[in-house]
Amino acid sequence: MGNREDLLAGAKRCLLDKGYARTTARDIATEAGVSLAAIGYHYGSKEVLLNAALAQATEEWGGELAKSLATRVDPAVAPVDRFEAIWAGVIESFEAHRGLWAATFEVLGQVEHVPQLREQLAVGLREAQTGLAHLFHDLDPVADGPRARAVGAFHQALLTGLMSQLLIDPDNAPSARDLAESMRYISS
């Protein structure tokens, strides 16, 4: 790996271990085994580097989740049972990726002050929504356009809310069964 890749890997480790706000440029350079000046040379700023690390970590989490769910969720089961199985997998993945979610919520507090960050997160959010629509309902973002966007936005809202509850009060956060029972109640 070169310095740029080493910096990204080091920033990702720092982000997940220390969080967004507590990670210093020196932390990243030390973790990456490169000079402090390399951050400015390759990324321009610590924030740009951390944002890239967060985007990469989130993308990796999404890929891991999709692979995990592909092997454990039977597409032939009733939709609400599939919903429950998928959310069980999402919740199960939370502990292994707790640092990612904590960093994500830290970053959300910055969007009012950093327009470039807002745009980066907006692009990631749209990609996540189409990914969730495909994951949960096998909807194609092109062929199923508005429906895929609406369904993806629904699942993204659930995901964001659930992750915040798991961070704040994990003992009282809803389980996959709770979510499925709520869906049964709402749709009856």
N, C-alpha and C. Protein backbone atom coordinates (compact mmCIF):
# COMPACT_ATOMS: atom_id res chain seq x y z
N MET A 1 0.84 -1.19 0.00
CA MET A 1 0.00 0.00 0.00
C MET A 1 0.88 1.25 0.00
N GLY A 2 0.37 2.31 -0.59
CA GLY A 2 1.06 3.59 -0.57
C GLY A 2 0.58 4.43 0.60
N ASN A 3 1.17 5.61 0.74
CA ASN A 3 0.81 6.49 1.85
C ASN A 3 -0.67 6.84 1.86
N ARG A 4 -1.25 7.09 0.69
CA ARG A 4 -2.67 7.47 0.60
C ARG A 4 -3.55 6.35 1.17
N GLU A 5 -3.30 5.12 0.76
CA GLU A 5 -4.07 3.98 1.24
C GLU A 5 -3.81 3.71 2.71
N ASP A 6 -2.54 3.87 3.12
CA ASP A 6 -2.20 3.68 4.54
C ASP A 6 -2.93 4.71 5.41
N LEU A 7 -3.00 5.94 4.92
CA LEU A 7 -3.71 6.98 5.66
C LEU A 7 -5.19 6.65 5.79
N LEU A 8 -5.79 6.19 4.71
CA LEU A 8 -7.21 5.84 4.74
C LEU A 8 -7.47 4.69 5.72
N ALA A 9 -6.62 3.69 5.69
CA ALA A 9 -6.76 2.56 6.61
C ALA A 9 -6.54 3.01 8.05
N GLY A 10 -5.53 3.83 8.28
CA GLY A 10 -5.27 4.34 9.62
C GLY A 10 -6.40 5.22 10.13
N ALA A 11 -6.93 6.07 9.25
CA ALA A 11 -8.05 6.94 9.63
C ALA A 11 -9.28 6.11 9.98
N LYS A 12 -9.49 5.05 9.24
CA LYS A 12 -10.64 4.18 9.52
C LYS A 12 -10.50 3.53 10.88
N ARG A 13 -9.31 3.02 11.19
CA ARG A 13 -9.10 2.41 12.51
C ARG A 13 -9.29 3.42 13.62
N CYS A 14 -8.74 4.63 13.46
CA CYS A 14 -8.90 5.67 14.47
C CYS A 14 -10.36 6.07 14.62
N LEU A 15 -11.04 6.23 13.51
CA LEU A 15 -12.44 6.62 13.52
C LEU A 15 -13.27 5.62 14.31
N LEU A 16 -13.04 4.35 14.08
CA LEU A 16 -13.82 3.31 14.75
C LEU A 16 -13.43 3.14 16.21
N ASP A 17 -12.16 3.41 16.54
CA ASP A 17 -11.70 3.26 17.92
C ASP A 17 -11.92 4.51 18.77
N LYS A 18 -11.64 5.68 18.21
CA LYS A 18 -11.67 6.92 18.99
C LYS A 18 -12.88 7.79 18.69
N GLY A 19 -13.48 7.59 17.53
CA GLY A 19 -14.57 8.45 17.12
C GLY A 19 -14.07 9.58 16.24
N TYR A 20 -14.99 10.32 15.69
CA TYR A 20 -14.67 11.39 14.76
C TYR A 20 -14.01 12.58 15.46
N ALA A 21 -14.65 13.08 16.49
CA ALA A 21 -14.18 14.30 17.14
C ALA A 21 -12.88 14.10 17.92
N ARG A 22 -12.66 12.92 18.45
CA ARG A 22 -11.48 12.69 19.29
C ARG A 22 -10.26 12.24 18.50
N THR A 23 -10.41 11.98 17.22
CA THR A 23 -9.27 11.57 16.40
C THR A 23 -8.49 12.80 15.95
N THR A 24 -7.20 12.79 16.21
CA THR A 24 -6.34 13.90 15.77
C THR A 24 -5.58 13.49 14.52
N ALA A 25 -5.06 14.48 13.84
CA ALA A 25 -4.22 14.20 12.66
C ALA A 25 -3.01 13.37 13.07
N ARG A 26 -2.46 13.67 14.22
CA ARG A 26 -1.29 12.92 14.72
C ARG A 26 -1.68 11.45 14.95
N ASP A 27 -2.87 11.21 15.50
CA ASP A 27 -3.33 9.83 15.70
C ASP A 27 -3.33 9.06 14.38
N ILE A 28 -3.87 9.71 13.37
CA ILE A 28 -3.98 9.05 12.06
C ILE A 28 -2.59 8.79 11.48
N ALA A 29 -1.74 9.79 11.50
CA ALA A 29 -0.39 9.63 10.95
C ALA A 29 0.36 8.52 11.67
N THR A 30 0.24 8.48 12.99
CA THR A 30 0.91 7.44 13.78
C THR A 30 0.35 6.06 13.41
N GLU A 31 -0.95 5.96 13.35
CA GLU A 31 -1.61 4.68 13.02
C GLU A 31 -1.23 4.21 11.62
N ALA A 32 -1.09 5.16 10.70
CA ALA A 32 -0.76 4.83 9.32
C ALA A 32 0.74 4.63 9.10
N GLY A 33 1.55 5.09 10.05
CA GLY A 33 2.99 4.97 9.90
C GLY A 33 3.56 5.91 8.86
N VAL A 34 2.94 7.10 8.75
CA VAL A 34 3.42 8.08 7.77
C VAL A 34 3.60 9.42 8.48
N SER A 35 4.14 10.39 7.77
CA SER A 35 4.34 11.71 8.35
C SER A 35 3.02 12.46 8.46
N LEU A 36 2.98 13.40 9.36
CA LEU A 36 1.80 14.23 9.55
C LEU A 36 1.49 15.03 8.28
N ALA A 37 2.52 15.46 7.59
CA ALA A 37 2.34 16.25 6.36
C ALA A 37 1.66 15.45 5.26
N ALA A 38 1.74 14.12 5.32
CA ALA A 38 1.14 13.29 4.28
C ALA A 38 -0.38 13.47 4.23
N ILE A 39 -0.99 13.79 5.36
CA ILE A 39 -2.45 14.00 5.38
C ILE A 39 -2.81 15.18 4.47
N GLY A 40 -2.13 16.29 4.66
CA GLY A 40 -2.39 17.47 3.83
C GLY A 40 -2.07 17.21 2.36
N TYR A 41 -0.98 16.53 2.12
CA TYR A 41 -0.57 16.26 0.74
C TYR A 41 -1.60 15.40 0.02
N HIS A 42 -2.06 14.33 0.66
CA HIS A 42 -2.95 13.38 -0.01
C HIS A 42 -4.44 13.72 0.11
N TYR A 43 -4.84 14.36 1.19
CA TYR A 43 -6.27 14.59 1.41
C TYR A 43 -6.65 16.06 1.62
N GLY A 44 -5.69 16.91 1.91
CA GLY A 44 -6.00 18.31 2.12
C GLY A 44 -6.27 18.65 3.57
N SER A 45 -6.99 17.77 4.26
CA SER A 45 -7.27 18.02 5.68
C SER A 45 -7.65 16.71 6.38
N LYS A 46 -7.54 16.74 7.67
CA LYS A 46 -7.94 15.59 8.49
C LYS A 46 -9.41 15.28 8.27
N GLU A 47 -10.25 16.30 8.18
CA GLU A 47 -11.69 16.09 8.03
C GLU A 47 -12.03 15.39 6.72
N VAL A 48 -11.38 15.81 5.64
CA VAL A 48 -11.63 15.16 4.35
C VAL A 48 -11.23 13.68 4.43
N LEU A 49 -10.11 13.41 5.07
CA LEU A 49 -9.64 12.04 5.24
C LEU A 49 -10.62 11.23 6.10
N LEU A 50 -11.05 11.80 7.23
CA LEU A 50 -11.99 11.08 8.09
C LEU A 50 -13.32 10.85 7.38
N ASN A 51 -13.77 11.80 6.59
CA ASN A 51 -15.02 11.62 5.84
C ASN A 51 -14.88 10.48 4.83
N ALA A 52 -13.74 10.41 4.18
CA ALA A 52 -13.48 9.32 3.23
C ALA A 52 -13.43 7.98 3.97
N ALA A 53 -12.81 7.98 5.14
CA ALA A 53 -12.74 6.75 5.94
C ALA A 53 -14.13 6.31 6.39
N LEU A 54 -14.96 7.26 6.79
CA LEU A 54 -16.33 6.94 7.20
C LEU A 54 -17.12 6.38 6.02
N ALA A 55 -16.99 6.99 4.87
CA ALA A 55 -17.70 6.51 3.68
C ALA A 55 -17.27 5.08 3.34
N GLN A 56 -15.97 4.83 3.40
CA GLN A 56 -15.47 3.49 3.08
C GLN A 56 -15.95 2.47 4.12
N ALA A 57 -15.89 2.82 5.39
CA ALA A 57 -16.33 1.90 6.45
C ALA A 57 -17.82 1.59 6.32
N THR A 58 -18.60 2.59 5.99
CA THR A 58 -20.04 2.39 5.82
C THR A 58 -20.33 1.49 4.63
N GLU A 59 -19.61 1.71 3.54
CA GLU A 59 -19.77 0.87 2.35
C GLU A 59 -19.38 -0.58 2.66
N GLU A 60 -18.30 -0.76 3.38
CA GLU A 60 -17.87 -2.11 3.75
C GLU A 60 -18.91 -2.79 4.64
N TRP A 61 -19.48 -2.04 5.59
CA TRP A 61 -20.53 -2.60 6.45
C TRP A 61 -21.71 -3.04 5.60
N GLY A 62 -22.13 -2.20 4.66
CA GLY A 62 -23.25 -2.55 3.79
C GLY A 62 -22.99 -3.81 2.99
N GLY A 63 -21.78 -3.94 2.48
CA GLY A 63 -21.41 -5.14 1.72
C GLY A 63 -21.40 -6.39 2.58
N GLU A 64 -20.84 -6.27 3.79
CA GLU A 64 -20.83 -7.41 4.72
C GLU A 64 -22.25 -7.81 5.09
N LEU A 65 -23.09 -6.83 5.35
CA LEU A 65 -24.47 -7.11 5.74
C LEU A 65 -25.21 -7.81 4.60
N ALA A 66 -25.07 -7.32 3.40
CA ALA A 66 -25.75 -7.92 2.25
C ALA A 66 -25.31 -9.37 2.06
N LYS A 67 -24.01 -9.63 2.17
CA LYS A 67 -23.53 -11.01 2.02
C LYS A 67 -24.06 -11.90 3.13
N SER A 68 -24.06 -11.40 4.34
CA SER A 68 -24.55 -12.17 5.48
C SER A 68 -26.03 -12.50 5.32
N LEU A 69 -26.80 -11.52 4.93
CA LEU A 69 -28.24 -11.74 4.81
C LEU A 69 -28.60 -12.62 3.63
N ALA A 70 -27.80 -12.58 2.57
CA ALA A 70 -28.07 -13.41 1.40
C ALA A 70 -28.04 -14.89 1.75
N THR A 71 -27.24 -15.24 2.73
CA THR A 71 -27.12 -16.65 3.08
C THR A 71 -28.09 -17.08 4.17
N ARG A 72 -28.72 -16.13 4.87
CA ARG A 72 -29.56 -16.52 5.99
C ARG A 72 -31.02 -16.13 5.88
N VAL A 73 -31.39 -15.39 4.85
CA VAL A 73 -32.77 -14.96 4.69
C VAL A 73 -33.38 -15.68 3.49
N ASP A 74 -34.40 -16.46 3.75
CA ASP A 74 -35.09 -17.22 2.72
C ASP A 74 -36.05 -16.29 1.97
N PRO A 75 -35.84 -16.07 0.68
CA PRO A 75 -36.71 -15.16 -0.07
C PRO A 75 -38.14 -15.70 -0.23
N ALA A 76 -38.34 -16.99 0.05
CA ALA A 76 -39.67 -17.59 -0.15
C ALA A 76 -40.59 -17.41 1.06
N VAL A 77 -40.07 -16.89 2.18
CA VAL A 77 -40.91 -16.74 3.36
C VAL A 77 -41.83 -15.53 3.21
N ALA A 78 -42.84 -15.46 4.06
CA ALA A 78 -43.77 -14.34 4.04
C ALA A 78 -43.01 -13.03 4.24
N PRO A 79 -43.48 -11.94 3.62
CA PRO A 79 -42.76 -10.67 3.70
C PRO A 79 -42.45 -10.20 5.12
N VAL A 80 -43.37 -10.33 6.04
CA VAL A 80 -43.10 -9.86 7.40
C VAL A 80 -42.06 -10.74 8.09
N ASP A 81 -42.04 -12.04 7.76
CA ASP A 81 -41.01 -12.92 8.31
C ASP A 81 -39.64 -12.59 7.71
N ARG A 82 -39.62 -12.24 6.45
CA ARG A 82 -38.37 -11.81 5.80
C ARG A 82 -37.90 -10.51 6.45
N PHE A 83 -38.82 -9.58 6.67
CA PHE A 83 -38.54 -8.32 7.34
C PHE A 83 -37.88 -8.58 8.69
N GLU A 84 -38.46 -9.49 9.46
CA GLU A 84 -37.90 -9.81 10.78
C GLU A 84 -36.51 -10.43 10.67
N ALA A 85 -36.33 -11.33 9.74
CA ALA A 85 -35.03 -11.99 9.58
C ALA A 85 -33.94 -10.98 9.17
N ILE A 86 -34.30 -10.08 8.29
CA ILE A 86 -33.32 -9.08 7.86
C ILE A 86 -32.96 -8.16 9.02
N TRP A 87 -33.97 -7.70 9.76
CA TRP A 87 -33.66 -6.81 10.88
C TRP A 87 -32.90 -7.53 11.98
N ALA A 88 -33.14 -8.82 12.14
CA ALA A 88 -32.34 -9.59 13.10
C ALA A 88 -30.86 -9.55 12.69
N GLY A 89 -30.59 -9.69 11.41
CA GLY A 89 -29.22 -9.60 10.91
C GLY A 89 -28.62 -8.22 11.09
N VAL A 90 -29.41 -7.19 10.86
CA VAL A 90 -28.93 -5.82 11.04
C VAL A 90 -28.56 -5.58 12.50
N ILE A 91 -29.45 -5.99 13.39
CA ILE A 91 -29.20 -5.80 14.82
C ILE A 91 -27.98 -6.60 15.27
N GLU A 92 -27.86 -7.81 14.77
CA GLU A 92 -26.71 -8.65 15.11
C GLU A 92 -25.39 -7.98 14.66
N SER A 93 -25.42 -7.30 13.53
CA SER A 93 -24.21 -6.66 13.01
C SER A 93 -23.83 -5.42 13.81
N PHE A 94 -24.77 -4.89 14.58
CA PHE A 94 -24.53 -3.62 15.28
C PHE A 94 -23.32 -3.70 16.21
N GLU A 95 -23.24 -4.70 17.07
CA GLU A 95 -22.15 -4.75 18.06
C GLU A 95 -20.78 -4.77 17.40
N ALA A 96 -20.65 -5.51 16.31
CA ALA A 96 -19.36 -5.57 15.63
C ALA A 96 -19.00 -4.23 14.98
N HIS A 97 -20.01 -3.38 14.77
CA HIS A 97 -19.79 -2.11 14.08
C HIS A 97 -20.27 -0.91 14.90
N ARG A 98 -20.29 -1.07 16.19
CA ARG A 98 -20.75 0.00 17.09
C ARG A 98 -19.97 1.30 16.86
N GLY A 99 -18.65 1.20 16.71
CA GLY A 99 -17.82 2.39 16.49
C GLY A 99 -18.21 3.13 15.22
N LEU A 100 -18.59 2.39 14.20
CA LEU A 100 -19.03 3.01 12.94
C LEU A 100 -20.29 3.83 13.18
N TRP A 101 -21.23 3.28 13.92
CA TRP A 101 -22.48 4.00 14.16
C TRP A 101 -22.26 5.20 15.06
N ALA A 102 -21.41 5.06 16.06
CA ALA A 102 -21.12 6.20 16.93
C ALA A 102 -20.48 7.32 16.11
N ALA A 103 -19.53 6.98 15.25
CA ALA A 103 -18.88 7.99 14.41
C ALA A 103 -19.87 8.62 13.44
N THR A 104 -20.77 7.82 12.91
CA THR A 104 -21.78 8.34 11.98
C THR A 104 -22.63 9.41 12.65
N PHE A 105 -23.07 9.13 13.87
CA PHE A 105 -23.89 10.12 14.56
C PHE A 105 -23.09 11.37 14.95
N GLU A 106 -21.81 11.20 15.23
CA GLU A 106 -20.94 12.37 15.49
C GLU A 106 -20.89 13.26 14.26
N VAL A 107 -20.73 12.63 13.10
CA VAL A 107 -20.61 13.37 11.85
C VAL A 107 -21.92 14.08 11.52
N LEU A 108 -23.04 13.47 11.82
CA LEU A 108 -24.33 14.11 11.51
C LEU A 108 -24.46 15.47 12.17
N GLY A 109 -23.84 15.63 13.31
CA GLY A 109 -23.88 16.92 14.00
C GLY A 109 -23.10 18.02 13.28
N GLN A 110 -22.31 17.65 12.29
CA GLN A 110 -21.49 18.63 11.57
C GLN A 110 -22.14 19.14 10.28
N VAL A 111 -23.22 18.50 9.82
CA VAL A 111 -23.74 18.82 8.48
C VAL A 111 -24.24 20.25 8.34
N GLU A 112 -24.68 20.86 9.41
CA GLU A 112 -25.15 22.25 9.32
C GLU A 112 -24.02 23.23 9.05
N HIS A 113 -22.80 22.83 9.35
CA HIS A 113 -21.66 23.74 9.26
C HIS A 113 -20.71 23.41 8.11
N VAL A 114 -20.88 22.26 7.49
CA VAL A 114 -19.95 21.83 6.45
C VAL A 114 -20.75 21.36 5.23
N PRO A 115 -21.03 22.27 4.29
CA PRO A 115 -21.86 21.92 3.14
C PRO A 115 -21.33 20.74 2.32
N GLN A 116 -19.99 20.63 2.18
CA GLN A 116 -19.42 19.51 1.41
C GLN A 116 -19.74 18.18 2.10
N LEU A 117 -19.70 18.18 3.41
CA LEU A 117 -20.01 16.97 4.17
C LEU A 117 -21.48 16.61 3.98
N ARG A 118 -22.33 17.61 4.02
CA ARG A 118 -23.76 17.37 3.82
C ARG A 118 -23.99 16.70 2.45
N GLU A 119 -23.34 17.23 1.43
CA GLU A 119 -23.53 16.66 0.09
C GLU A 119 -22.99 15.23 0.03
N GLN A 120 -21.82 15.00 0.62
CA GLN A 120 -21.26 13.65 0.64
C GLN A 120 -22.21 12.68 1.34
N LEU A 121 -22.76 13.10 2.46
CA LEU A 121 -23.69 12.24 3.19
C LEU A 121 -24.99 12.04 2.42
N ALA A 122 -25.45 13.08 1.72
CA ALA A 122 -26.68 12.97 0.93
C ALA A 122 -26.51 11.94 -0.18
N VAL A 123 -25.37 11.96 -0.84
CA VAL A 123 -25.09 10.96 -1.88
C VAL A 123 -25.08 9.55 -1.27
N GLY A 124 -24.39 9.41 -0.14
CA GLY A 124 -24.34 8.12 0.54
C GLY A 124 -25.72 7.66 0.99
N LEU A 125 -26.53 8.59 1.44
CA LEU A 125 -27.88 8.27 1.89
C LEU A 125 -28.74 7.75 0.74
N ARG A 126 -28.65 8.40 -0.40
CA ARG A 126 -29.41 7.93 -1.58
C ARG A 126 -28.95 6.54 -2.00
N GLU A 127 -27.65 6.31 -1.98
CA GLU A 127 -27.13 4.97 -2.32
C GLU A 127 -27.61 3.94 -1.31
N ALA A 128 -27.59 4.29 -0.04
CA ALA A 128 -28.05 3.37 1.00
C ALA A 128 -29.52 3.05 0.84
N GLN A 129 -30.31 4.04 0.50
CA GLN A 129 -31.74 3.81 0.33
C GLN A 129 -32.02 2.82 -0.79
N THR A 130 -31.35 2.99 -1.92
CA THR A 130 -31.58 2.04 -3.01
C THR A 130 -31.05 0.66 -2.65
N GLY A 131 -29.95 0.62 -1.91
CA GLY A 131 -29.42 -0.66 -1.45
C GLY A 131 -30.37 -1.37 -0.50
N LEU A 132 -30.97 -0.62 0.39
CA LEU A 132 -31.93 -1.21 1.33
C LEU A 132 -33.19 -1.68 0.62
N ALA A 133 -33.65 -0.93 -0.38
CA ALA A 133 -34.83 -1.34 -1.15
C ALA A 133 -34.55 -2.65 -1.87
N HIS A 134 -33.34 -2.78 -2.38
CA HIS A 134 -32.97 -4.03 -3.05
C HIS A 134 -32.83 -5.17 -2.04
N LEU A 135 -32.18 -4.89 -0.92
CA LEU A 135 -31.93 -5.90 0.10
C LEU A 135 -33.24 -6.44 0.68
N PHE A 136 -34.14 -5.55 1.03
CA PHE A 136 -35.38 -5.96 1.67
C PHE A 136 -36.43 -6.47 0.70
N HIS A 137 -36.49 -5.89 -0.51
CA HIS A 137 -37.61 -6.20 -1.40
C HIS A 137 -37.19 -6.51 -2.83
N ASP A 138 -35.90 -6.63 -3.06
CA ASP A 138 -35.37 -6.92 -4.40
C ASP A 138 -35.87 -5.91 -5.43
N LEU A 139 -35.99 -4.65 -5.01
CA LEU A 139 -36.43 -3.60 -5.92
C LEU A 139 -35.23 -3.02 -6.65
N ASP A 140 -35.39 -2.75 -7.92
CA ASP A 140 -34.35 -2.17 -8.75
C ASP A 140 -34.51 -0.66 -8.77
N PRO A 141 -33.45 0.11 -8.49
CA PRO A 141 -33.59 1.56 -8.43
C PRO A 141 -34.02 2.19 -9.75
N VAL A 142 -33.70 1.56 -10.87
CA VAL A 142 -34.09 2.11 -12.17
C VAL A 142 -35.48 1.64 -12.54
N ALA A 143 -35.68 0.34 -12.57
CA ALA A 143 -36.96 -0.21 -12.99
C ALA A 143 -38.09 0.14 -12.02
N ASP A 144 -37.77 0.19 -10.74
CA ASP A 144 -38.80 0.44 -9.72
C ASP A 144 -38.71 1.85 -9.15
N GLY A 145 -37.98 2.73 -9.79
CA GLY A 145 -37.75 4.12 -9.43
C GLY A 145 -38.39 4.67 -8.16
N PRO A 146 -39.56 5.31 -8.27
CA PRO A 146 -40.17 5.95 -7.10
C PRO A 146 -40.48 4.97 -5.96
N ARG A 147 -40.92 3.79 -6.30
CA ARG A 147 -41.21 2.80 -5.25
C ARG A 147 -39.93 2.41 -4.52
N ALA A 148 -38.86 2.17 -5.26
CA ALA A 148 -37.58 1.80 -4.63
C ALA A 148 -37.10 2.93 -3.73
N ARG A 149 -37.22 4.18 -4.17
CA ARG A 149 -36.79 5.31 -3.34
C ARG A 149 -37.63 5.40 -2.07
N ALA A 150 -38.94 5.25 -2.20
CA ALA A 150 -39.82 5.36 -1.02
C ALA A 150 -39.57 4.22 -0.04
N VAL A 151 -39.47 3.01 -0.55
CA VAL A 151 -39.23 1.85 0.32
C VAL A 151 -37.85 1.96 0.97
N GLY A 152 -36.86 2.36 0.20
CA GLY A 152 -35.52 2.53 0.75
C GLY A 152 -35.48 3.62 1.81
N ALA A 153 -36.19 4.71 1.59
CA ALA A 153 -36.23 5.79 2.58
C ALA A 153 -36.89 5.31 3.87
N PHE A 154 -37.93 4.49 3.76
CA PHE A 154 -38.59 3.92 4.93
C PHE A 154 -37.60 3.08 5.74
N HIS A 155 -36.89 2.20 5.08
CA HIS A 155 -35.93 1.34 5.78
C HIS A 155 -34.74 2.14 6.32
N GLN A 156 -34.34 3.18 5.60
CA GLN A 156 -33.25 4.03 6.09
C GLN A 156 -33.69 4.75 7.36
N ALA A 157 -34.93 5.21 7.40
CA ALA A 157 -35.44 5.87 8.61
C ALA A 157 -35.45 4.88 9.78
N LEU A 158 -35.89 3.67 9.52
CA LEU A 158 -35.87 2.64 10.57
C LEU A 158 -34.44 2.35 11.02
N LEU A 159 -33.54 2.22 10.07
CA LEU A 159 -32.15 1.91 10.38
C LEU A 159 -31.53 3.01 11.25
N THR A 160 -31.69 4.24 10.84
CA THR A 160 -31.11 5.35 11.60
C THR A 160 -31.71 5.41 13.01
N GLY A 161 -33.01 5.27 13.10
CA GLY A 161 -33.66 5.30 14.41
C GLY A 161 -33.25 4.14 15.29
N LEU A 162 -33.19 2.96 14.71
CA LEU A 162 -32.82 1.77 15.48
C LEU A 162 -31.38 1.86 15.96
N MET A 163 -30.47 2.30 15.09
CA MET A 163 -29.07 2.41 15.49
C MET A 163 -28.91 3.44 16.61
N SER A 164 -29.65 4.53 16.55
CA SER A 164 -29.55 5.52 17.63
C SER A 164 -30.05 4.93 18.94
N GLN A 165 -31.13 4.15 18.89
CA GLN A 165 -31.63 3.51 20.10
C GLN A 165 -30.65 2.48 20.64
N LEU A 166 -30.01 1.73 19.75
CA LEU A 166 -29.02 0.74 20.19
C LEU A 166 -27.81 1.41 20.82
N LEU A 167 -27.44 2.59 20.33
CA LEU A 167 -26.32 3.33 20.93
C LEU A 167 -26.70 3.91 22.29
N ILE A 168 -27.88 4.45 22.40
CA ILE A 168 -28.29 5.17 23.61
C ILE A 168 -28.78 4.23 24.71
N ASP A 169 -29.65 3.30 24.36
CA ASP A 169 -30.29 2.46 25.37
C ASP A 169 -30.49 1.04 24.81
N PRO A 170 -29.41 0.31 24.64
CA PRO A 170 -29.51 -0.99 23.98
C PRO A 170 -30.45 -1.98 24.67
N ASP A 171 -30.58 -1.88 25.97
CA ASP A 171 -31.45 -2.83 26.67
C ASP A 171 -32.93 -2.62 26.36
N ASN A 172 -33.28 -1.43 25.90
CA ASN A 172 -34.68 -1.14 25.62
C ASN A 172 -34.95 -0.86 24.14
N ALA A 173 -33.94 -1.07 23.30
CA ALA A 173 -34.14 -0.89 21.86
C ALA A 173 -35.01 -2.03 21.34
N PRO A 174 -35.80 -1.78 20.31
CA PRO A 174 -36.65 -2.85 19.79
C PRO A 174 -35.83 -3.98 19.16
N SER A 175 -36.33 -5.17 19.29
CA SER A 175 -35.73 -6.33 18.65
C SER A 175 -36.33 -6.47 17.25
N ALA A 176 -35.79 -7.38 16.48
CA ALA A 176 -36.35 -7.66 15.16
C ALA A 176 -37.79 -8.16 15.30
N ARG A 177 -38.03 -8.97 16.30
CA ARG A 177 -39.40 -9.46 16.55
C ARG A 177 -40.33 -8.30 16.87
N ASP A 178 -39.86 -7.35 17.70
CA ASP A 178 -40.67 -6.17 18.02
C ASP A 178 -41.03 -5.39 16.74
N LEU A 179 -40.04 -5.21 15.88
CA LEU A 179 -40.29 -4.49 14.64
C LEU A 179 -41.30 -5.23 13.77
N ALA A 180 -41.14 -6.55 13.67
CA ALA A 180 -42.07 -7.34 12.86
C ALA A 180 -43.48 -7.30 13.45
N GLU A 181 -43.59 -7.41 14.75
CA GLU A 181 -44.91 -7.34 15.39
C GLU A 181 -45.55 -5.98 15.16
N SER A 182 -44.75 -4.93 15.17
CA SER A 182 -45.27 -3.61 14.88
C SER A 182 -45.78 -3.53 13.45
N MET A 183 -45.05 -4.11 12.52
CA MET A 183 -45.50 -4.14 11.12
C MET A 183 -46.82 -4.90 10.98
N ARG A 184 -46.92 -6.01 11.69
CA ARG A 184 -48.17 -6.78 11.64
C ARG A 184 -49.33 -5.94 12.16
N TYR A 185 -49.09 -5.23 13.24
CA TYR A 185 -50.13 -4.41 13.86
C TYR A 185 -50.52 -3.26 12.93
N ILE A 186 -49.53 -2.56 12.40
CA ILE A 186 -49.78 -1.41 11.55
C ILE A 186 -50.53 -1.82 10.28
N SER A 187 -50.18 -2.96 9.71
CA SER A 187 -50.77 -3.37 8.45
C SER A 187 -52.09 -4.12 8.60
N SER A 188 -52.53 -4.33 9.83
CA SER A 188 -53.80 -5.06 10.00
C SER A 188 -54.98 -4.13 10.05
